[in-house]
Amino acid sequence: MDVRKVLEDLRAYKTQLDQAIAVFDRLARNRGKRGRPAGKESARRPVSPEARKRMAAAQRKRWAAARMKIDKS
């Protein structure tokens, strides 16, 4: 068994491992940077009672249309 050949193979394998580790390091660092920032609450706009009634009426209309579609089939 040639010791030099074994060392050369081990160094090549070490290089591959180092590259794979670098890829996983980049993935781990970027993992937390997606989506909404942590701890930041979204500012919800207040809805007036009149607007809430309009939204409710529109939703009831959509539900009625969906029920009519089911009843016809």
PDB file of N, CA and C in Angstrom:
ATOM      1  N   MET A   1       0.845  -1.170   0.000  1.00  0.00           N
ATOM      2  CA  MET A   1       0.000   0.000   0.000  1.00  0.00           C
ATOM      3  C   MET A   1       0.892   1.236   0.000  1.00  0.00           C
ATOM      4  N   ASP A   2       0.604   2.119  -0.928  1.00  0.00           N
ATOM      5  CA  ASP A   2       1.426   3.308  -1.074  1.00  0.00           C
ATOM      6  C   ASP A   2       0.897   4.397  -0.130  1.00  0.00           C
ATOM      7  N   VAL A   3       1.726   4.835   0.805  1.00  0.00           N
ATOM      8  CA  VAL A   3       1.343   5.825   1.808  1.00  0.00           C
ATOM      9  C   VAL A   3       1.058   7.171   1.142  1.00  0.00           C
ATOM     10  N   ARG A   4       1.811   7.502   0.137  1.00  0.00           N
ATOM     11  CA  ARG A   4       1.595   8.786  -0.537  1.00  0.00           C
ATOM     12  C   ARG A   4       0.228   8.834  -1.228  1.00  0.00           C
ATOM     13  N   LYS A   5      -0.152   7.718  -1.832  1.00  0.00           N
ATOM     14  CA  LYS A   5      -1.452   7.645  -2.500  1.00  0.00           C
ATOM     15  C   LYS A   5      -2.571   7.778  -1.471  1.00  0.00           C
ATOM     16  N   VAL A   6      -2.424   7.137  -0.323  1.00  0.00           N
ATOM     17  CA  VAL A   6      -3.431   7.222   0.732  1.00  0.00           C
ATOM     18  C   VAL A   6      -3.539   8.665   1.220  1.00  0.00           C
ATOM     19  N   LEU A   7      -2.409   9.330   1.450  1.00  0.00           N
ATOM     20  CA  LEU A   7      -2.426  10.721   1.889  1.00  0.00           C
ATOM     21  C   LEU A   7      -3.084  11.625   0.842  1.00  0.00           C
ATOM     22  N   GLU A   8      -2.797  11.387  -0.413  1.00  0.00           N
ATOM     23  CA  GLU A   8      -3.391  12.184  -1.487  1.00  0.00           C
ATOM     24  C   GLU A   8      -4.915  11.998  -1.515  1.00  0.00           C
ATOM     25  N   ASP A   9      -5.364  10.759  -1.383  1.00  0.00           N
ATOM     26  CA  ASP A   9      -6.805  10.479  -1.361  1.00  0.00           C
ATOM     27  C   ASP A   9      -7.475  11.122  -0.144  1.00  0.00           C
ATOM     28  N   LEU A  10      -6.812  11.033   1.012  1.00  0.00           N
ATOM     29  CA  LEU A  10      -7.373  11.623   2.227  1.00  0.00           C
ATOM     30  C   LEU A  10      -7.470  13.146   2.109  1.00  0.00           C
ATOM     31  N   ARG A  11      -6.453  13.764   1.516  1.00  0.00           N
ATOM     32  CA  ARG A  11      -6.493  15.218   1.345  1.00  0.00           C
ATOM     33  C   ARG A  11      -7.604  15.628   0.372  1.00  0.00           C
ATOM     34  N   ALA A  12      -7.787  14.849  -0.675  1.00  0.00           N
ATOM     35  CA  ALA A  12      -8.868  15.138  -1.632  1.00  0.00           C
ATOM     36  C   ALA A  12     -10.231  15.001  -0.932  1.00  0.00           C
ATOM     37  N   TYR A  13     -10.373  13.973  -0.113  1.00  0.00           N
ATOM     38  CA  TYR A  13     -11.615  13.754   0.627  1.00  0.00           C
ATOM     39  C   TYR A  13     -11.839  14.886   1.632  1.00  0.00           C
ATOM     40  N   LYS A  14     -10.773  15.345   2.262  1.00  0.00           N
ATOM     41  CA  LYS A  14     -10.865  16.447   3.224  1.00  0.00           C
ATOM     42  C   LYS A  14     -11.328  17.716   2.517  1.00  0.00           C
ATOM     43  N   THR A  15     -10.839  17.949   1.305  1.00  0.00           N
ATOM     44  CA  THR A  15     -11.250  19.119   0.530  1.00  0.00           C
ATOM     45  C   THR A  15     -12.746  19.054   0.221  1.00  0.00           C
ATOM     46  N   GLN A  16     -13.218  17.868  -0.152  1.00  0.00           N
ATOM     47  CA  GLN A  16     -14.649  17.710  -0.427  1.00  0.00           C
ATOM     48  C   GLN A  16     -15.474  17.959   0.834  1.00  0.00           C
ATOM     49  N   LEU A  17     -15.009  17.440   1.947  1.00  0.00           N
ATOM     50  CA  LEU A  17     -15.720  17.657   3.211  1.00  0.00           C
ATOM     51  C   LEU A  17     -15.735  19.135   3.588  1.00  0.00           C
ATOM     52  N   ASP A  18     -14.615  19.818   3.402  1.00  0.00           N
ATOM     53  CA  ASP A  18     -14.559  21.248   3.715  1.00  0.00           C
ATOM     54  C   ASP A  18     -15.544  22.037   2.858  1.00  0.00           C
ATOM     55  N   GLN A  19     -15.666  21.671   1.593  1.00  0.00           N
ATOM     56  CA  GLN A  19     -16.619  22.351   0.715  1.00  0.00           C
ATOM     57  C   GLN A  19     -18.051  22.085   1.155  1.00  0.00           C
ATOM     58  N   ALA A  20     -18.345  20.852   1.525  1.00  0.00           N
ATOM     59  CA  ALA A  20     -19.695  20.514   1.980  1.00  0.00           C
ATOM     60  C   ALA A  20     -20.020  21.250   3.277  1.00  0.00           C
ATOM     61  N   ILE A  21     -19.074  21.331   4.177  1.00  0.00           N
ATOM     62  CA  ILE A  21     -19.276  22.049   5.438  1.00  0.00           C
ATOM     63  C   ILE A  21     -19.529  23.529   5.172  1.00  0.00           C
ATOM     64  N   ALA A  22     -18.812  24.099   4.218  1.00  0.00           N
ATOM     65  CA  ALA A  22     -19.002  25.511   3.879  1.00  0.00           C
ATOM     66  C   ALA A  22     -20.405  25.757   3.340  1.00  0.00           C
ATOM     67  N   VAL A  23     -20.908  24.835   2.526  1.00  0.00           N
ATOM     68  CA  VAL A  23     -22.266  24.972   1.996  1.00  0.00           C
ATOM     69  C   VAL A  23     -23.281  24.949   3.130  1.00  0.00           C
ATOM     70  N   PHE A  24     -23.135  24.003   4.050  1.00  0.00           N
ATOM     71  CA  PHE A  24     -24.071  23.905   5.171  1.00  0.00           C
ATOM     72  C   PHE A  24     -23.952  25.110   6.103  1.00  0.00           C
ATOM     73  N   ASP A  25     -22.767  25.636   6.257  1.00  0.00           N
ATOM     74  CA  ASP A  25     -22.602  26.854   7.071  1.00  0.00           C
ATOM     75  C   ASP A  25     -23.376  28.023   6.467  1.00  0.00           C
ATOM     76  N   ARG A  26     -23.283  28.178   5.139  1.00  0.00           N
ATOM     77  CA  ARG A  26     -24.017  29.259   4.476  1.00  0.00           C
ATOM     78  C   ARG A  26     -25.517  29.059   4.631  1.00  0.00           C
ATOM     79  N   LEU A  27     -25.976  27.822   4.481  1.00  0.00           N
ATOM     80  CA  LEU A  27     -27.405  27.551   4.634  1.00  0.00           C
ATOM     81  C   LEU A  27     -27.870  27.853   6.053  1.00  0.00           C
ATOM     82  N   ALA A  28     -27.066  27.486   7.035  1.00  0.00           N
ATOM     83  CA  ALA A  28     -27.439  27.708   8.432  1.00  0.00           C
ATOM     84  C   ALA A  28     -27.472  29.199   8.754  1.00  0.00           C
ATOM     85  N   ARG A  29     -26.563  29.968   8.208  1.00  0.00           N
ATOM     86  CA  ARG A  29     -26.528  31.405   8.476  1.00  0.00           C
ATOM     87  C   ARG A  29     -27.713  32.109   7.833  1.00  0.00           C
ATOM     88  N   ASN A  30     -28.103  31.682   6.642  1.00  0.00           N
ATOM     89  CA  ASN A  30     -29.189  32.336   5.914  1.00  0.00           C
ATOM     90  C   ASN A  30     -30.564  31.845   6.351  1.00  0.00           C
ATOM     91  N   ARG A  31     -30.606  30.811   7.139  1.00  0.00           N
ATOM     92  CA  ARG A  31     -31.881  30.196   7.509  1.00  0.00           C
ATOM     93  C   ARG A  31     -32.809  31.157   8.241  1.00  0.00           C
ATOM     94  N   GLY A  32     -32.307  31.957   9.146  1.00  0.00           N
ATOM     95  CA  GLY A  32     -33.153  32.832   9.929  1.00  0.00           C
ATOM     96  C   GLY A  32     -33.506  34.136   9.248  1.00  0.00           C
ATOM     97  N   LYS A  33     -33.050  34.377   8.038  1.00  0.00           N
ATOM     98  CA  LYS A  33     -33.243  35.670   7.390  1.00  0.00           C
ATOM     99  C   LYS A  33     -34.451  35.699   6.468  1.00  0.00           C
ATOM    100  N   ARG A  34     -35.237  34.641   6.442  1.00  0.00           N
ATOM    101  CA  ARG A  34     -36.397  34.625   5.566  1.00  0.00           C
ATOM    102  C   ARG A  34     -37.640  35.008   6.346  1.00  0.00           C
ATOM    103  N   GLY A  35     -38.580  35.610   5.667  1.00  0.00           N
ATOM    104  CA  GLY A  35     -39.857  35.932   6.285  1.00  0.00           C
ATOM    105  C   GLY A  35     -39.838  37.227   7.067  1.00  0.00           C
ATOM    106  N   ARG A  36     -40.810  37.340   7.921  1.00  0.00           N
ATOM    107  CA  ARG A  36     -40.982  38.551   8.721  1.00  0.00           C
ATOM    108  C   ARG A  36     -39.924  38.630   9.803  1.00  0.00           C
ATOM    109  N   PRO A  37     -39.390  39.807  10.079  1.00  0.00           N
ATOM    110  CA  PRO A  37     -38.385  39.935  11.143  1.00  0.00           C
ATOM    111  C   PRO A  37     -38.959  39.510  12.501  1.00  0.00           C
ATOM    112  N   ALA A  38     -38.164  38.838  13.273  1.00  0.00           N
ATOM    113  CA  ALA A  38     -38.610  38.336  14.564  1.00  0.00           C
ATOM    114  C   ALA A  38     -38.904  39.490  15.510  1.00  0.00           C
ATOM    115  N   GLY A  39     -39.974  39.364  16.249  1.00  0.00           N
ATOM    116  CA  GLY A  39     -40.310  40.349  17.263  1.00  0.00           C
ATOM    117  C   GLY A  39     -41.034  41.570  16.743  1.00  0.00           C
ATOM    118  N   LYS A  40     -41.207  41.682  15.446  1.00  0.00           N
ATOM    119  CA  LYS A  40     -41.883  42.855  14.902  1.00  0.00           C
ATOM    120  C   LYS A  40     -43.347  42.503  14.666  1.00  0.00           C
ATOM    121  N   GLU A  41     -44.214  43.180  15.372  1.00  0.00           N
ATOM    122  CA  GLU A  41     -45.647  42.956  15.227  1.00  0.00           C
ATOM    123  C   GLU A  41     -46.131  43.671  13.966  1.00  0.00           C
ATOM    124  N   SER A  42     -47.079  43.073  13.283  1.00  0.00           N
ATOM    125  CA  SER A  42     -47.633  43.744  12.121  1.00  0.00           C
ATOM    126  C   SER A  42     -48.659  44.761  12.601  1.00  0.00           C
ATOM    127  N   ALA A  43     -48.637  45.917  12.011  1.00  0.00           N
ATOM    128  CA  ALA A  43     -49.550  46.985  12.390  1.00  0.00           C
ATOM    129  C   ALA A  43     -50.886  46.735  11.702  1.00  0.00           C
ATOM    130  N   ARG A  44     -51.878  46.336  12.469  1.00  0.00           N
ATOM    131  CA  ARG A  44     -53.196  46.084  11.909  1.00  0.00           C
ATOM    132  C   ARG A  44     -53.989  47.385  11.903  1.00  0.00           C
ATOM    133  N   ARG A  45     -54.602  47.647  10.776  1.00  0.00           N
ATOM    134  CA  ARG A  45     -55.397  48.855  10.674  1.00  0.00           C
ATOM    135  C   ARG A  45     -56.754  48.613  11.310  1.00  0.00           C
ATOM    136  N   PRO A  46     -57.239  49.564  12.067  1.00  0.00           N
ATOM    137  CA  PRO A  46     -58.557  49.394  12.671  1.00  0.00           C
ATOM    138  C   PRO A  46     -59.644  49.443  11.603  1.00  0.00           C
ATOM    139  N   VAL A  47     -60.689  48.665  11.829  1.00  0.00           N
ATOM    140  CA  VAL A  47     -61.806  48.624  10.891  1.00  0.00           C
ATOM    141  C   VAL A  47     -63.008  49.239  11.585  1.00  0.00           C
ATOM    142  N   SER A  48     -63.631  50.158  10.910  1.00  0.00           N
ATOM    143  CA  SER A  48     -64.791  50.825  11.508  1.00  0.00           C
ATOM    144  C   SER A  48     -65.975  49.862  11.567  1.00  0.00           C
ATOM    145  N   PRO A  49     -66.915  50.097  12.466  1.00  0.00           N
ATOM    146  CA  PRO A  49     -68.096  49.219  12.542  1.00  0.00           C
ATOM    147  C   PRO A  49     -68.870  49.174  11.225  1.00  0.00           C
ATOM    148  N   GLU A  50     -68.943  50.290  10.503  1.00  0.00           N
ATOM    149  CA  GLU A  50     -69.648  50.303   9.222  1.00  0.00           C
ATOM    150  C   GLU A  50     -68.937  49.410   8.203  1.00  0.00           C
ATOM    151  N   ALA A  51     -67.623  49.514   8.182  1.00  0.00           N
ATOM    152  CA  ALA A  51     -66.851  48.684   7.245  1.00  0.00           C
ATOM    153  C   ALA A  51     -66.984  47.216   7.615  1.00  0.00           C
ATOM    154  N   ARG A  52     -67.009  46.916   8.904  1.00  0.00           N
ATOM    155  CA  ARG A  52     -67.166  45.534   9.352  1.00  0.00           C
ATOM    156  C   ARG A  52     -68.525  44.981   8.902  1.00  0.00           C
ATOM    157  N   LYS A  53     -69.570  45.811   8.966  1.00  0.00           N
ATOM    158  CA  LYS A  53     -70.894  45.382   8.512  1.00  0.00           C
ATOM    159  C   LYS A  53     -70.894  45.131   7.009  1.00  0.00           C
ATOM    160  N   ARG A  54     -70.228  45.996   6.249  1.00  0.00           N
ATOM    161  CA  ARG A  54     -70.147  45.792   4.800  1.00  0.00           C
ATOM    162  C   ARG A  54     -69.408  44.505   4.473  1.00  0.00           C
ATOM    163  N   MET A  55     -68.309  44.249   5.191  1.00  0.00           N
ATOM    164  CA  MET A  55     -67.548  43.018   4.949  1.00  0.00           C
ATOM    165  C   MET A  55     -68.390  41.792   5.288  1.00  0.00           C
ATOM    166  N   ALA A  56     -69.151  41.861   6.395  1.00  0.00           N
ATOM    167  CA  ALA A  56     -69.996  40.738   6.792  1.00  0.00           C
ATOM    168  C   ALA A  56     -71.073  40.486   5.748  1.00  0.00           C
ATOM    169  N   ALA A  57     -71.680  41.564   5.234  1.00  0.00           N
ATOM    170  CA  ALA A  57     -72.713  41.412   4.211  1.00  0.00           C
ATOM    171  C   ALA A  57     -72.134  40.805   2.940  1.00  0.00           C
ATOM    172  N   ALA A  58     -70.961  41.250   2.552  1.00  0.00           N
ATOM    173  CA  ALA A  58     -70.314  40.704   1.356  1.00  0.00           C
ATOM    174  C   ALA A  58     -69.993  39.225   1.548  1.00  0.00           C
ATOM    175  N   GLN A  59     -69.558  38.842   2.738  1.00  0.00           N
ATOM    176  CA  GLN A  59     -69.245  37.437   2.992  1.00  0.00           C
ATOM    177  C   GLN A  59     -70.522  36.596   2.981  1.00  0.00           C
ATOM    178  N   ARG A  60     -71.599  37.112   3.573  1.00  0.00           N
ATOM    179  CA  ARG A  60     -72.866  36.373   3.543  1.00  0.00           C
ATOM    180  C   ARG A  60     -73.331  36.169   2.100  1.00  0.00           C
ATOM    181  N   LYS A  61     -73.120  37.193   1.252  1.00  0.00           N
ATOM    182  CA  LYS A  61     -73.480  37.085  -0.162  1.00  0.00           C
ATOM    183  C   LYS A  61     -72.651  35.996  -0.834  1.00  0.00           C
ATOM    184  N   ARG A  62     -71.352  35.939  -0.520  1.00  0.00           N
ATOM    185  CA  ARG A  62     -70.490  34.889  -1.099  1.00  0.00           C
ATOM    186  C   ARG A  62     -70.930  33.511  -0.628  1.00  0.00           C
ATOM    187  N   TRP A  63     -71.266  33.388   0.649  1.00  0.00           N
ATOM    188  CA  TRP A  63     -71.725  32.097   1.176  1.00  0.00           C
ATOM    189  C   TRP A  63     -73.029  31.665   0.504  1.00  0.00           C
ATOM    190  N   ALA A  64     -73.941  32.614   0.317  1.00  0.00           N
ATOM    191  CA  ALA A  64     -75.213  32.300  -0.341  1.00  0.00           C
ATOM    192  C   ALA A  64     -74.971  31.827  -1.773  1.00  0.00           C
ATOM    193  N   ALA A  65     -74.066  32.495  -2.474  1.00  0.00           N
ATOM    194  CA  ALA A  65     -73.758  32.093  -3.844  1.00  0.00           C
ATOM    195  C   ALA A  65     -73.154  30.692  -3.867  1.00  0.00           C
ATOM    196  N   ALA A  66     -72.312  30.397  -2.898  1.00  0.00           N
ATOM    197  CA  ALA A  66     -71.697  29.068  -2.845  1.00  0.00           C
ATOM    198  C   ALA A  66     -72.743  28.014  -2.526  1.00  0.00           C
ATOM    199  N   ARG A  67     -73.696  28.331  -1.639  1.00  0.00           N
ATOM    200  CA  ARG A  67     -74.768  27.372  -1.321  1.00  0.00           C
ATOM    201  C   ARG A  67     -75.654  27.141  -2.535  1.00  0.00           C
ATOM    202  N   MET A  68     -75.948  28.202  -3.281  1.00  0.00           N
ATOM    203  CA  MET A  68     -76.770  28.065  -4.491  1.00  0.00           C
ATOM    204  C   MET A  68     -76.082  27.183  -5.525  1.00  0.00           C
ATOM    205  N   LYS A  69     -74.775  27.322  -5.631  1.00  0.00           N
ATOM    206  CA  LYS A  69     -74.011  26.518  -6.580  1.00  0.00           C
ATOM    207  C   LYS A  69     -74.060  25.044  -6.179  1.00  0.00           C
ATOM    208  N   ILE A  70     -73.966  24.770  -4.865  1.00  0.00           N
ATOM    209  CA  ILE A  70     -74.020  23.379  -4.372  1.00  0.00           C
ATOM    210  C   ILE A  70     -75.415  22.810  -4.583  1.00  0.00           C
ATOM    211  N   ASP A  71     -76.468  23.614  -4.316  1.00  0.00           N
ATOM    212  CA  ASP A  71     -77.840  23.142  -4.452  1.00  0.00           C
ATOM    213  C   ASP A  71     -78.189  22.807  -5.901  1.00  0.00           C
ATOM    214  N   LYS A  72     -77.615  23.544  -6.849  1.00  0.00           N
ATOM    215  CA  LYS A  72     -77.898  23.307  -8.270  1.00  0.00           C
ATOM    216  C   LYS A  72     -77.242  22.029  -8.791  1.00  0.00           C
ATOM    217  N   SER A  73     -76.161  21.602  -8.165  1.00  0.00           N
ATOM    218  CA  SER A  73     -75.483  20.413  -8.679  1.00  0.00           C
ATOM    219  C   SER A  73     -76.024  19.137  -8.118  1.00  0.00           C
TER     220      SER A  73
END
